[in-house]
All heavy atoms as atom14 arrays in JSON, in Angstrom:
{
  "sequence": "SKAKGTAAETAVVRFLREAGFTQAERRTLNGVQDRGDIAGIPGVVIEV",
  "atom14_mask": [
    [1, 1, 1, 1, 1, 1, 0, 0, 0, 0, 0, 0, 0, 0],
    [1, 1, 1, 1, 1, 1, 1, 1, 1, 0, 0, 0, 0, 0],
    [1, 1, 1, 1, 1, 0, 0, 0, 0, 0, 0, 0, 0, 0],
    [1, 1, 1, 1, 1, 1, 1, 1, 1, 0, 0, 0, 0, 0],
    [1, 1, 1, 1, 0, 0, 0, 0, 0, 0, 0, 0, 0, 0],
    [1, 1, 1, 1, 1, 1, 1, 0, 0, 0, 0, 0, 0, 0],
    [1, 1, 1, 1, 1, 0, 0, 0, 0, 0, 0, 0, 0, 0],
    [1, 1, 1, 1, 1, 0, 0, 0, 0, 0, 0, 0, 0, 0],
    [1, 1, 1, 1, 1, 1, 1, 1, 1, 0, 0, 0, 0, 0],
    [1, 1, 1, 1, 1, 1, 1, 0, 0, 0, 0, 0, 0, 0],
    [1, 1, 1, 1, 1, 0, 0, 0, 0, 0, 0, 0, 0, 0],
    [1, 1, 1, 1, 1, 1, 1, 0, 0, 0, 0, 0, 0, 0],
    [1, 1, 1, 1, 1, 1, 1, 0, 0, 0, 0, 0, 0, 0],
    [1, 1, 1, 1, 1, 1, 1, 1, 1, 1, 1, 0, 0, 0],
    [1, 1, 1, 1, 1, 1, 1, 1, 1, 1, 1, 0, 0, 0],
    [1, 1, 1, 1, 1, 1, 1, 1, 0, 0, 0, 0, 0, 0],
    [1, 1, 1, 1, 1, 1, 1, 1, 1, 1, 1, 0, 0, 0],
    [1, 1, 1, 1, 1, 1, 1, 1, 1, 0, 0, 0, 0, 0],
    [1, 1, 1, 1, 1, 0, 0, 0, 0, 0, 0, 0, 0, 0],
    [1, 1, 1, 1, 0, 0, 0, 0, 0, 0, 0, 0, 0, 0],
    [1, 1, 1, 1, 1, 1, 1, 1, 1, 1, 1, 0, 0, 0],
    [1, 1, 1, 1, 1, 1, 1, 0, 0, 0, 0, 0, 0, 0],
    [1, 1, 1, 1, 1, 1, 1, 1, 1, 0, 0, 0, 0, 0],
    [1, 1, 1, 1, 1, 0, 0, 0, 0, 0, 0, 0, 0, 0],
    [1, 1, 1, 1, 1, 1, 1, 1, 1, 0, 0, 0, 0, 0],
    [1, 1, 1, 1, 1, 1, 1, 1, 1, 1, 1, 0, 0, 0],
    [1, 1, 1, 1, 1, 1, 1, 1, 1, 1, 1, 0, 0, 0],
    [1, 1, 1, 1, 1, 1, 1, 0, 0, 0, 0, 0, 0, 0],
    [1, 1, 1, 1, 1, 1, 1, 1, 0, 0, 0, 0, 0, 0],
    [1, 1, 1, 1, 1, 1, 1, 1, 0, 0, 0, 0, 0, 0],
    [1, 1, 1, 1, 0, 0, 0, 0, 0, 0, 0, 0, 0, 0],
    [1, 1, 1, 1, 1, 1, 1, 0, 0, 0, 0, 0, 0, 0],
    [1, 1, 1, 1, 1, 1, 1, 1, 1, 0, 0, 0, 0, 0],
    [1, 1, 1, 1, 1, 1, 1, 1, 0, 0, 0, 0, 0, 0],
    [1, 1, 1, 1, 1, 1, 1, 1, 1, 1, 1, 0, 0, 0],
    [1, 1, 1, 1, 0, 0, 0, 0, 0, 0, 0, 0, 0, 0],
    [1, 1, 1, 1, 1, 1, 1, 1, 0, 0, 0, 0, 0, 0],
    [1, 1, 1, 1, 1, 1, 1, 1, 0, 0, 0, 0, 0, 0],
    [1, 1, 1, 1, 1, 0, 0, 0, 0, 0, 0, 0, 0, 0],
    [1, 1, 1, 1, 0, 0, 0, 0, 0, 0, 0, 0, 0, 0],
    [1, 1, 1, 1, 1, 1, 1, 1, 0, 0, 0, 0, 0, 0],
    [1, 1, 1, 1, 1, 1, 1, 0, 0, 0, 0, 0, 0, 0],
    [1, 1, 1, 1, 0, 0, 0, 0, 0, 0, 0, 0, 0, 0],
    [1, 1, 1, 1, 1, 1, 1, 0, 0, 0, 0, 0, 0, 0],
    [1, 1, 1, 1, 1, 1, 1, 0, 0, 0, 0, 0, 0, 0],
    [1, 1, 1, 1, 1, 1, 1, 1, 0, 0, 0, 0, 0, 0],
    [1, 1, 1, 1, 1, 1, 1, 1, 1, 0, 0, 0, 0, 0],
    [1, 1, 1, 1, 1, 1, 1, 0, 0, 0, 0, 0, 0, 0]
  ],
  "atom14_positions": [
    [[0.55, 10.02, -27.49], [0.15, 8.81, -28.21], [-1.33, 8.5, -27.98], [-2.07, 8.18, -28.92], [1.01, 7.63, -27.75], [0.56, 6.44, -28.29], [0.0, 0.0, 0.0], [0.0, 0.0, 0.0], [0.0, 0.0, 0.0], [0.0, 0.0, 0.0], [0.0, 0.0, 0.0], [0.0, 0.0, 0.0], [0.0, 0.0, 0.0], [0.0, 0.0, 0.0]],
    [[-1.76, 8.61, -26.73], [-3.17, 8.35, -26.38], [-4.07, 9.39, -27.05], [-5.15, 9.05, -27.54], [-3.32, 8.39, -24.86], [-4.69, 8.07, -24.37], [-4.76, 6.62, -24.02], [-6.06, 6.37, -23.27], [-6.75, 5.21, -23.79], [0.0, 0.0, 0.0], [0.0, 0.0, 0.0], [0.0, 0.0, 0.0], [0.0, 0.0, 0.0], [0.0, 0.0, 0.0]],
    [[-3.64, 10.64, -27.07], [-4.43, 11.7, -27.69], [-4.57, 11.46, -29.2], [-5.65, 11.67, -29.77], [-3.78, 13.06, -27.43], [0.0, 0.0, 0.0], [0.0, 0.0, 0.0], [0.0, 0.0, 0.0], [0.0, 0.0, 0.0], [0.0, 0.0, 0.0], [0.0, 0.0, 0.0], [0.0, 0.0, 0.0], [0.0, 0.0, 0.0], [0.0, 0.0, 0.0]],
    [[-3.48, 11.0, -29.85], [-3.57, 10.67, -31.27], [-4.57, 9.55, -31.52], [-5.36, 9.6, -32.46], [-2.19, 10.23, -31.79], [-1.27, 11.35, -32.17], [0.11, 10.86, -32.61], [0.07, 9.83, -33.71], [1.4, 9.38, -34.15], [0.0, 0.0, 0.0], [0.0, 0.0, 0.0], [0.0, 0.0, 0.0], [0.0, 0.0, 0.0], [0.0, 0.0, 0.0]],
    [[-4.53, 8.53, -30.67], [-5.45, 7.41, -30.81], [-6.89, 7.83, -30.61], [-7.78, 7.44, -31.39], [0.0, 0.0, 0.0], [0.0, 0.0, 0.0], [0.0, 0.0, 0.0], [0.0, 0.0, 0.0], [0.0, 0.0, 0.0], [0.0, 0.0, 0.0], [0.0, 0.0, 0.0], [0.0, 0.0, 0.0], [0.0, 0.0, 0.0], [0.0, 0.0, 0.0]],
    [[-7.14, 8.63, -29.59], [-8.5, 9.12, -29.32], [-9.02, 9.96, -30.48], [-10.17, 9.81, -30.89], [-8.51, 9.94, -28.01], [-8.12, 9.07, -26.93], [-9.88, 10.52, -27.72], [0.0, 0.0, 0.0], [0.0, 0.0, 0.0], [0.0, 0.0, 0.0], [0.0, 0.0, 0.0], [0.0, 0.0, 0.0], [0.0, 0.0, 0.0], [0.0, 0.0, 0.0]],
    [[-8.16, 10.82, -31.02], [-8.56, 11.67, -32.15], [-8.9, 10.81, -33.37], [-9.89, 11.07, -34.07], [-7.45, 12.66, -32.49], [0.0, 0.0, 0.0], [0.0, 0.0, 0.0], [0.0, 0.0, 0.0], [0.0, 0.0, 0.0], [0.0, 0.0, 0.0], [0.0, 0.0, 0.0], [0.0, 0.0, 0.0], [0.0, 0.0, 0.0], [0.0, 0.0, 0.0]],
    [[-8.12, 9.77, -33.63], [-8.38, 8.89, -34.78], [-9.69, 8.13, -34.57], [-10.51, 8.02, -35.5], [-7.22, 7.92, -34.98], [0.0, 0.0, 0.0], [0.0, 0.0, 0.0], [0.0, 0.0, 0.0], [0.0, 0.0, 0.0], [0.0, 0.0, 0.0], [0.0, 0.0, 0.0], [0.0, 0.0, 0.0], [0.0, 0.0, 0.0], [0.0, 0.0, 0.0]],
    [[-9.91, 7.6, -33.37], [-11.15, 6.88, -33.08], [-12.36, 7.8, -33.26], [-13.37, 7.41, -33.85], [-11.11, 6.32, -31.66], [-10.11, 5.2, -31.48], [-9.86, 4.86, -30.02], [-10.64, 5.32, -29.14], [-8.88, 4.13, -29.75], [0.0, 0.0, 0.0], [0.0, 0.0, 0.0], [0.0, 0.0, 0.0], [0.0, 0.0, 0.0], [0.0, 0.0, 0.0]],
    [[-12.25, 9.02, -32.76], [-13.34, 9.99, -32.88], [-13.61, 10.3, -34.35], [-14.78, 10.39, -34.77], [-13.0, 11.28, -32.1], [-12.79, 10.92, -30.72], [-14.1, 12.31, -32.2], [0.0, 0.0, 0.0], [0.0, 0.0, 0.0], [0.0, 0.0, 0.0], [0.0, 0.0, 0.0], [0.0, 0.0, 0.0], [0.0, 0.0, 0.0], [0.0, 0.0, 0.0]],
    [[-12.57, 10.44, -35.15], [-12.73, 10.73, -36.57], [-13.43, 9.57, -37.28], [-14.31, 9.77, -38.13], [-11.37, 11.01, -37.22], [0.0, 0.0, 0.0], [0.0, 0.0, 0.0], [0.0, 0.0, 0.0], [0.0, 0.0, 0.0], [0.0, 0.0, 0.0], [0.0, 0.0, 0.0], [0.0, 0.0, 0.0], [0.0, 0.0, 0.0], [0.0, 0.0, 0.0]],
    [[-13.07, 8.33, -36.93], [-13.7, 7.16, -37.55], [-15.17, 7.09, -37.15], [-16.04, 6.83, -38.0], [-12.95, 5.86, -37.19], [-13.74, 4.62, -37.6], [-11.57, 5.83, -37.85], [0.0, 0.0, 0.0], [0.0, 0.0, 0.0], [0.0, 0.0, 0.0], [0.0, 0.0, 0.0], [0.0, 0.0, 0.0], [0.0, 0.0, 0.0], [0.0, 0.0, 0.0]],
    [[-15.47, 7.33, -35.89], [-16.88, 7.32, -35.44], [-17.68, 8.37, -36.21], [-18.78, 8.1, -36.7], [-16.99, 7.54, -33.91], [-18.41, 7.87, -33.5], [-16.48, 6.31, -33.17], [0.0, 0.0, 0.0], [0.0, 0.0, 0.0], [0.0, 0.0, 0.0], [0.0, 0.0, 0.0], [0.0, 0.0, 0.0], [0.0, 0.0, 0.0], [0.0, 0.0, 0.0]],
    [[-17.14, 9.57, -36.32], [-17.83, 10.65, -37.05], [-18.06, 10.23, -38.5], [-19.16, 10.4, -39.04], [-17.0, 11.93, -36.98], [-17.75, 13.16, -37.47], [-16.95, 14.46, -37.3], [-16.34, 14.61, -35.99], [-15.0, 14.62, -35.77], [-14.16, 14.51, -36.77], [-14.54, 14.77, -34.56], [0.0, 0.0, 0.0], [0.0, 0.0, 0.0], [0.0, 0.0, 0.0]],
    [[-17.05, 9.65, -39.14], [-17.17, 9.19, -40.53], [-18.27, 8.13, -40.65], [-19.1, 8.19, -41.56], [-15.83, 8.64, -41.01], [-15.88, 8.06, -42.38], [-15.77, 8.87, -43.51], [-16.06, 6.69, -42.58], [-15.85, 8.33, -44.79], [-16.14, 6.15, -43.85], [-16.03, 6.98, -44.95], [0.0, 0.0, 0.0], [0.0, 0.0, 0.0], [0.0, 0.0, 0.0]],
    [[-18.26, 7.15, -39.76], [-19.26, 6.08, -39.81], [-20.67, 6.62, -39.6], [-21.61, 6.2, -40.3], [-18.94, 5.0, -38.77], [-17.76, 4.1, -39.1], [-17.37, 3.25, -37.89], [-18.07, 3.21, -40.3], [0.0, 0.0, 0.0], [0.0, 0.0, 0.0], [0.0, 0.0, 0.0], [0.0, 0.0, 0.0], [0.0, 0.0, 0.0], [0.0, 0.0, 0.0]],
    [[-20.82, 7.54, -38.66], [-22.15, 8.13, -38.43], [-22.65, 8.86, -39.67], [-23.81, 8.74, -40.05], [-22.12, 9.06, -37.23], [-22.04, 8.3, -35.92], [-22.04, 9.24, -34.75], [-22.04, 8.51, -33.5], [-21.86, 9.07, -32.32], [-21.68, 10.38, -32.23], [-21.87, 8.34, -31.22], [0.0, 0.0, 0.0], [0.0, 0.0, 0.0], [0.0, 0.0, 0.0]],
    [[-21.76, 9.61, -40.31], [-22.14, 10.33, -41.53], [-22.46, 9.36, -42.67], [-23.23, 9.69, -43.57], [-21.03, 11.3, -41.95], [-20.9, 12.48, -41.0], [-19.66, 13.33, -41.26], [-18.9, 13.04, -42.22], [-19.43, 14.28, -40.49], [0.0, 0.0, 0.0], [0.0, 0.0, 0.0], [0.0, 0.0, 0.0], [0.0, 0.0, 0.0], [0.0, 0.0, 0.0]],
    [[-21.9, 8.14, -42.61], [-22.15, 7.12, -43.63], [-23.4, 6.31, -43.32], [-23.71, 5.36, -44.03], [-20.94, 6.2, -43.74], [0.0, 0.0, 0.0], [0.0, 0.0, 0.0], [0.0, 0.0, 0.0], [0.0, 0.0, 0.0], [0.0, 0.0, 0.0], [0.0, 0.0, 0.0], [0.0, 0.0, 0.0], [0.0, 0.0, 0.0], [0.0, 0.0, 0.0]],
    [[-24.11, 6.67, -42.24], [-25.37, 6.0, -41.92], [-25.31, 5.04, -40.75], [-26.33, 4.48, -40.36], [0.0, 0.0, 0.0], [0.0, 0.0, 0.0], [0.0, 0.0, 0.0], [0.0, 0.0, 0.0], [0.0, 0.0, 0.0], [0.0, 0.0, 0.0], [0.0, 0.0, 0.0], [0.0, 0.0, 0.0], [0.0, 0.0, 0.0], [0.0, 0.0, 0.0]],
    [[-24.14, 4.82, -40.18], [-24.01, 3.94, -39.01], [-24.15, 4.79, -37.75], [-23.19, 5.06, -37.04], [-22.67, 3.2, -39.05], [-22.53, 2.33, -40.27], [-21.9, 2.79, -41.41], [-23.07, 1.04, -40.28], [-21.78, 2.0, -42.54], [-22.96, 0.24, -41.41], [-22.32, 0.72, -42.54], [0.0, 0.0, 0.0], [0.0, 0.0, 0.0], [0.0, 0.0, 0.0]],
    [[-25.39, 5.21, -37.49], [-25.67, 6.21, -36.46], [-25.39, 5.71, -35.04], [-25.26, 6.53, -34.14], [-27.12, 6.68, -36.55], [-27.99, 5.54, -36.42], [-27.39, 7.37, -37.88], [0.0, 0.0, 0.0], [0.0, 0.0, 0.0], [0.0, 0.0, 0.0], [0.0, 0.0, 0.0], [0.0, 0.0, 0.0], [0.0, 0.0, 0.0], [0.0, 0.0, 0.0]],
    [[-25.29, 4.41, -34.85], [-25.04, 3.86, -33.52], [-23.55, 3.73, -33.19], [-23.19, 3.33, -32.08], [-25.71, 2.49, -33.37], [-27.21, 2.5, -33.58], [-27.92, 3.4, -32.59], [-27.65, 3.36, -31.39], [-28.81, 4.24, -33.09], [0.0, 0.0, 0.0], [0.0, 0.0, 0.0], [0.0, 0.0, 0.0], [0.0, 0.0, 0.0], [0.0, 0.0, 0.0]],
    [[-22.69, 4.04, -34.16], [-21.24, 3.91, -33.94], [-20.8, 4.82, -32.8], [-21.23, 5.97, -32.7], [-20.48, 4.25, -35.22], [0.0, 0.0, 0.0], [0.0, 0.0, 0.0], [0.0, 0.0, 0.0], [0.0, 0.0, 0.0], [0.0, 0.0, 0.0], [0.0, 0.0, 0.0], [0.0, 0.0, 0.0], [0.0, 0.0, 0.0], [0.0, 0.0, 0.0]],
    [[-19.93, 4.27, -31.93], [-19.4, 5.05, -30.81], [-18.08, 4.46, -30.36], [-17.79, 3.29, -30.61], [-20.4, 5.08, -29.65], [-20.68, 3.72, -29.05], [-21.74, 3.74, -27.97], [-22.49, 4.72, -27.88], [-21.82, 2.77, -27.21], [0.0, 0.0, 0.0], [0.0, 0.0, 0.0], [0.0, 0.0, 0.0], [0.0, 0.0, 0.0], [0.0, 0.0, 0.0]],
    [[-17.3, 5.28, -29.69], [-16.04, 4.8, -29.12], [-16.36, 3.86, -27.97], [-17.3, 4.07, -27.23], [-15.19, 5.97, -28.63], [-14.61, 6.78, -29.77], [-13.65, 7.86, -29.29], [-12.52, 7.27, -28.6], [-12.14, 7.62, -27.36], [-12.77, 8.55, -26.7], [-11.11, 7.03, -26.8], [0.0, 0.0, 0.0], [0.0, 0.0, 0.0], [0.0, 0.0, 0.0]],
    [[-15.56, 2.83, -27.84], [-15.74, 1.85, -26.78], [-14.64, 2.04, -25.74], [-13.51, 2.34, -26.09], [-15.65, 0.44, -27.39], [-15.81, -0.66, -26.38], [-15.81, -2.02, -27.07], [-17.17, -2.36, -27.42], [-17.51, -3.19, -28.38], [-16.58, -3.75, -29.13], [-18.76, -3.47, -28.62], [0.0, 0.0, 0.0], [0.0, 0.0, 0.0], [0.0, 0.0, 0.0]],
    [[-14.99, 1.85, -24.48], [-13.99, 1.97, -23.42], [-13.11, 0.73, -23.41], [-13.51, -0.34, -23.85], [-14.67, 2.1, -22.03], [-15.49, 0.96, -21.81], [-15.49, 3.37, -21.95], [0.0, 0.0, 0.0], [0.0, 0.0, 0.0], [0.0, 0.0, 0.0], [0.0, 0.0, 0.0], [0.0, 0.0, 0.0], [0.0, 0.0, 0.0], [0.0, 0.0, 0.0]],
    [[-11.9, 0.88, -22.9], [-10.95, -0.23, -22.84], [-11.46, -1.31, -21.89], [-12.06, -1.02, -20.86], [-9.59, 0.27, -22.35], [-8.84, 1.22, -23.29], [-7.6, 1.75, -22.59], [-8.49, 0.52, -24.57], [0.0, 0.0, 0.0], [0.0, 0.0, 0.0], [0.0, 0.0, 0.0], [0.0, 0.0, 0.0], [0.0, 0.0, 0.0], [0.0, 0.0, 0.0]],
    [[-11.18, -2.56, -22.24], [-11.58, -3.69, -21.41], [-10.41, -4.58, -21.06], [-10.6, -5.77, -20.81], [-12.66, -4.51, -22.13], [-14.0, -3.8, -22.16], [-14.48, -3.36, -21.13], [-14.58, -3.67, -23.34], [0.0, 0.0, 0.0], [0.0, 0.0, 0.0], [0.0, 0.0, 0.0], [0.0, 0.0, 0.0], [0.0, 0.0, 0.0], [0.0, 0.0, 0.0]],
    [[-9.19, -4.08, -21.1], [-8.01, -4.88, -20.75], [-7.81, -6.05, -21.67], [-7.95, -5.93, -22.89], [0.0, 0.0, 0.0], [0.0, 0.0, 0.0], [0.0, 0.0, 0.0], [0.0, 0.0, 0.0], [0.0, 0.0, 0.0], [0.0, 0.0, 0.0], [0.0, 0.0, 0.0], [0.0, 0.0, 0.0], [0.0, 0.0, 0.0], [0.0, 0.0, 0.0]],
    [[-7.51, -7.24, -21.1], [-7.26, -8.42, -21.92], [-8.5, -8.9, -22.65], [-8.41, -9.63, -23.63], [-6.67, -9.58, -21.08], [-5.28, -9.24, -20.58], [-7.59, -9.98, -19.97], [0.0, 0.0, 0.0], [0.0, 0.0, 0.0], [0.0, 0.0, 0.0], [0.0, 0.0, 0.0], [0.0, 0.0, 0.0], [0.0, 0.0, 0.0], [0.0, 0.0, 0.0]],
    [[-9.67, -8.48, -22.2], [-10.93, -8.84, -22.86], [-11.42, -7.72, -23.77], [-12.61, -7.6, -24.03], [-12.0, -9.21, -21.82], [-11.71, -10.49, -21.07], [-11.56, -11.68, -22.0], [-12.39, -11.92, -22.86], [-10.48, -12.43, -21.83], [0.0, 0.0, 0.0], [0.0, 0.0, 0.0], [0.0, 0.0, 0.0], [0.0, 0.0, 0.0], [0.0, 0.0, 0.0]],
    [[-10.48, -6.89, -24.24], [-10.83, -5.77, -25.12], [-11.64, -6.27, -26.31], [-11.43, -7.38, -26.81], [-9.55, -5.08, -25.6], [-9.81, -3.7, -26.2], [-10.95, -3.21, -26.11], [-8.86, -3.13, -26.75], [0.0, 0.0, 0.0], [0.0, 0.0, 0.0], [0.0, 0.0, 0.0], [0.0, 0.0, 0.0], [0.0, 0.0, 0.0], [0.0, 0.0, 0.0]],
    [[-12.6, -5.46, -26.75], [-13.49, -5.84, -27.84], [-13.47, -4.8, -28.96], [-14.47, -4.59, -29.63], [-14.9, -6.03, -27.29], [-14.95, -7.18, -26.3], [-16.27, -7.43, -25.62], [-17.38, -6.69, -26.16], [-18.25, -5.99, -25.41], [-18.1, -5.93, -24.12], [-19.26, -5.37, -25.97], [0.0, 0.0, 0.0], [0.0, 0.0, 0.0], [0.0, 0.0, 0.0]],
    [[-12.3, -4.16, -29.15], [-12.15, -3.19, -30.23], [-12.38, -1.77, -29.77], [-12.78, -1.51, -28.64], [0.0, 0.0, 0.0], [0.0, 0.0, 0.0], [0.0, 0.0, 0.0], [0.0, 0.0, 0.0], [0.0, 0.0, 0.0], [0.0, 0.0, 0.0], [0.0, 0.0, 0.0], [0.0, 0.0, 0.0], [0.0, 0.0, 0.0], [0.0, 0.0, 0.0]],
    [[-12.13, -0.83, -30.67], [-12.23, 0.6, -30.35], [-13.58, 1.21, -30.67], [-13.96, 2.21, -30.09], [-11.14, 1.37, -31.11], [-9.73, 0.98, -30.67], [-9.55, 0.7, -29.47], [-8.84, 0.95, -31.54], [0.0, 0.0, 0.0], [0.0, 0.0, 0.0], [0.0, 0.0, 0.0], [0.0, 0.0, 0.0], [0.0, 0.0, 0.0], [0.0, 0.0, 0.0]],
    [[-14.29, 0.61, -31.64], [-15.56, 1.18, -32.09], [-16.67, 0.17, -31.83], [-16.55, -0.99, -32.2], [-15.52, 1.52, -33.6], [-14.3, 2.38, -33.96], [-16.83, 2.18, -34.04], [-14.26, 3.75, -33.33], [0.0, 0.0, 0.0], [0.0, 0.0, 0.0], [0.0, 0.0, 0.0], [0.0, 0.0, 0.0], [0.0, 0.0, 0.0], [0.0, 0.0, 0.0]],
    [[-17.74, 0.61, -31.21], [-18.91, -0.23, -30.94], [-20.09, 0.31, -31.75], [-20.01, 1.38, -32.34], [-19.24, -0.2, -29.45], [0.0, 0.0, 0.0], [0.0, 0.0, 0.0], [0.0, 0.0, 0.0], [0.0, 0.0, 0.0], [0.0, 0.0, 0.0], [0.0, 0.0, 0.0], [0.0, 0.0, 0.0], [0.0, 0.0, 0.0], [0.0, 0.0, 0.0]],
    [[-21.18, -0.45, -31.76], [-22.41, 0.03, -32.36], [-22.7, -0.52, -33.74], [-23.71, -0.18, -34.36], [0.0, 0.0, 0.0], [0.0, 0.0, 0.0], [0.0, 0.0, 0.0], [0.0, 0.0, 0.0], [0.0, 0.0, 0.0], [0.0, 0.0, 0.0], [0.0, 0.0, 0.0], [0.0, 0.0, 0.0], [0.0, 0.0, 0.0], [0.0, 0.0, 0.0]],
    [[-21.82, -1.38, -34.25], [-22.07, -2.06, -35.53], [-22.07, -3.55, -35.21], [-21.01, -4.17, -35.09], [-21.02, -1.71, -36.6], [-20.98, -0.19, -36.8], [-21.34, -2.43, -37.91], [-19.89, 0.29, -37.71], [0.0, 0.0, 0.0], [0.0, 0.0, 0.0], [0.0, 0.0, 0.0], [0.0, 0.0, 0.0], [0.0, 0.0, 0.0], [0.0, 0.0, 0.0]],
    [[-23.26, -4.13, -35.02], [-23.35, -5.53, -34.58], [-22.56, -6.49, -35.48], [-22.61, -6.39, -36.7], [-24.85, -5.84, -34.67], [-25.51, -4.5, -34.54], [-24.58, -3.53, -35.22], [0.0, 0.0, 0.0], [0.0, 0.0, 0.0], [0.0, 0.0, 0.0], [0.0, 0.0, 0.0], [0.0, 0.0, 0.0], [0.0, 0.0, 0.0], [0.0, 0.0, 0.0]],
    [[-21.81, -7.37, -34.82], [-21.05, -8.39, -35.54], [-19.72, -7.93, -36.08], [-19.01, -8.7, -36.73], [0.0, 0.0, 0.0], [0.0, 0.0, 0.0], [0.0, 0.0, 0.0], [0.0, 0.0, 0.0], [0.0, 0.0, 0.0], [0.0, 0.0, 0.0], [0.0, 0.0, 0.0], [0.0, 0.0, 0.0], [0.0, 0.0, 0.0], [0.0, 0.0, 0.0]],
    [[-19.36, -6.66, -35.82], [-18.12, -6.1, -36.38], [-17.28, -5.49, -35.25], [-17.8, -4.72, -34.44], [-18.42, -5.02, -37.45], [-17.12, -4.42, -37.99], [-19.26, -5.59, -38.57], [0.0, 0.0, 0.0], [0.0, 0.0, 0.0], [0.0, 0.0, 0.0], [0.0, 0.0, 0.0], [0.0, 0.0, 0.0], [0.0, 0.0, 0.0], [0.0, 0.0, 0.0]],
    [[-16.01, -5.82, -35.24], [-15.04, -5.22, -34.32], [-14.08, -4.38, -35.15], [-13.53, -4.86, -36.14], [-14.28, -6.3, -33.52], [-13.05, -5.71, -32.84], [-15.2, -6.95, -32.51], [0.0, 0.0, 0.0], [0.0, 0.0, 0.0], [0.0, 0.0, 0.0], [0.0, 0.0, 0.0], [0.0, 0.0, 0.0], [0.0, 0.0, 0.0], [0.0, 0.0, 0.0]],
    [[-13.91, -3.13, -34.75], [-13.0, -2.22, -35.45], [-11.92, -1.76, -34.48], [-12.22, -1.18, -33.43], [-13.76, -0.99, -36.02], [-14.85, -1.43, -36.98], [-12.78, -0.03, -36.69], [-15.79, -0.31, -37.42], [0.0, 0.0, 0.0], [0.0, 0.0, 0.0], [0.0, 0.0, 0.0], [0.0, 0.0, 0.0], [0.0, 0.0, 0.0], [0.0, 0.0, 0.0]],
    [[-10.69, -2.02, -34.85], [-9.53, -1.56, -34.11], [-8.94, -0.4, -34.9], [-8.65, -0.56, -36.09], [-8.52, -2.7, -33.96], [-7.27, -2.34, -33.21], [-7.52, -2.02, -31.74], [-8.52, -2.49, -31.16], [-6.7, -1.26, -31.19], [0.0, 0.0, 0.0], [0.0, 0.0, 0.0], [0.0, 0.0, 0.0], [0.0, 0.0, 0.0], [0.0, 0.0, 0.0]],
    [[-8.81, 0.77, -34.29], [-8.32, 1.97, -34.98], [-6.86, 2.21, -34.61], [-6.49, 2.14, -33.44], [-9.18, 3.21, -34.63], [-8.65, 4.45, -35.33], [-10.64, 2.96, -34.98], [0.0, 0.0, 0.0], [0.0, 0.0, 0.0], [0.0, 0.0, 0.0], [0.0, 0.0, 0.0], [0.0, 0.0, 0.0], [0.0, 0.0, 0.0], [0.0, 0.0, 0.0]]
  ]
}
């Protein structure tokens, strides 16, 4: 399950970078203060 999630997050980051969002990257888990799976797009939280 974790491997599927990581693969999907990586695919979304790759897609965003190719679309011009070059700062997009996977974000590490933060527990109850989690801030989404993808970072690097200011003002936007993406949960994959």
